[in-house]
Amino acid sequence: MGIVLQTGFLIKMLYFIGKISYGIYVYHGLLRPYFVNYIYEELIIYIPNNIVATAIYTGICTIISIMVAWFSWIIIENPILRLKRQFNY
């Protein structure tokens, strides 16, 4: 039973990431300079160990990129994709 629930959760998570993957691709590149200037530079000040700081930086940037891509999916992409039902092609 547990493996079925884990597999179901994994499939739902992969489906979610698949829906927003283009947004992740687009927005992480646009946000990267801000990530470096405002997150990484501050982390290096407070966490002198570069490996730990880089791991935390990667986690924070991944979460922010997924959130921005998800908002983009809700606000921009999904409404535009629904418009395609209105056109015959």
Foldseek 3Di string as FASTA:
>chain_A
DVVVVVVVVVVVVVVLCVLLVVQLVPVLVVCVVVLCVPQLVVLCVVPVPPVVSVVVSVVVSVVVSSVRSVVCCVPPVVVVVVCVVVDDD
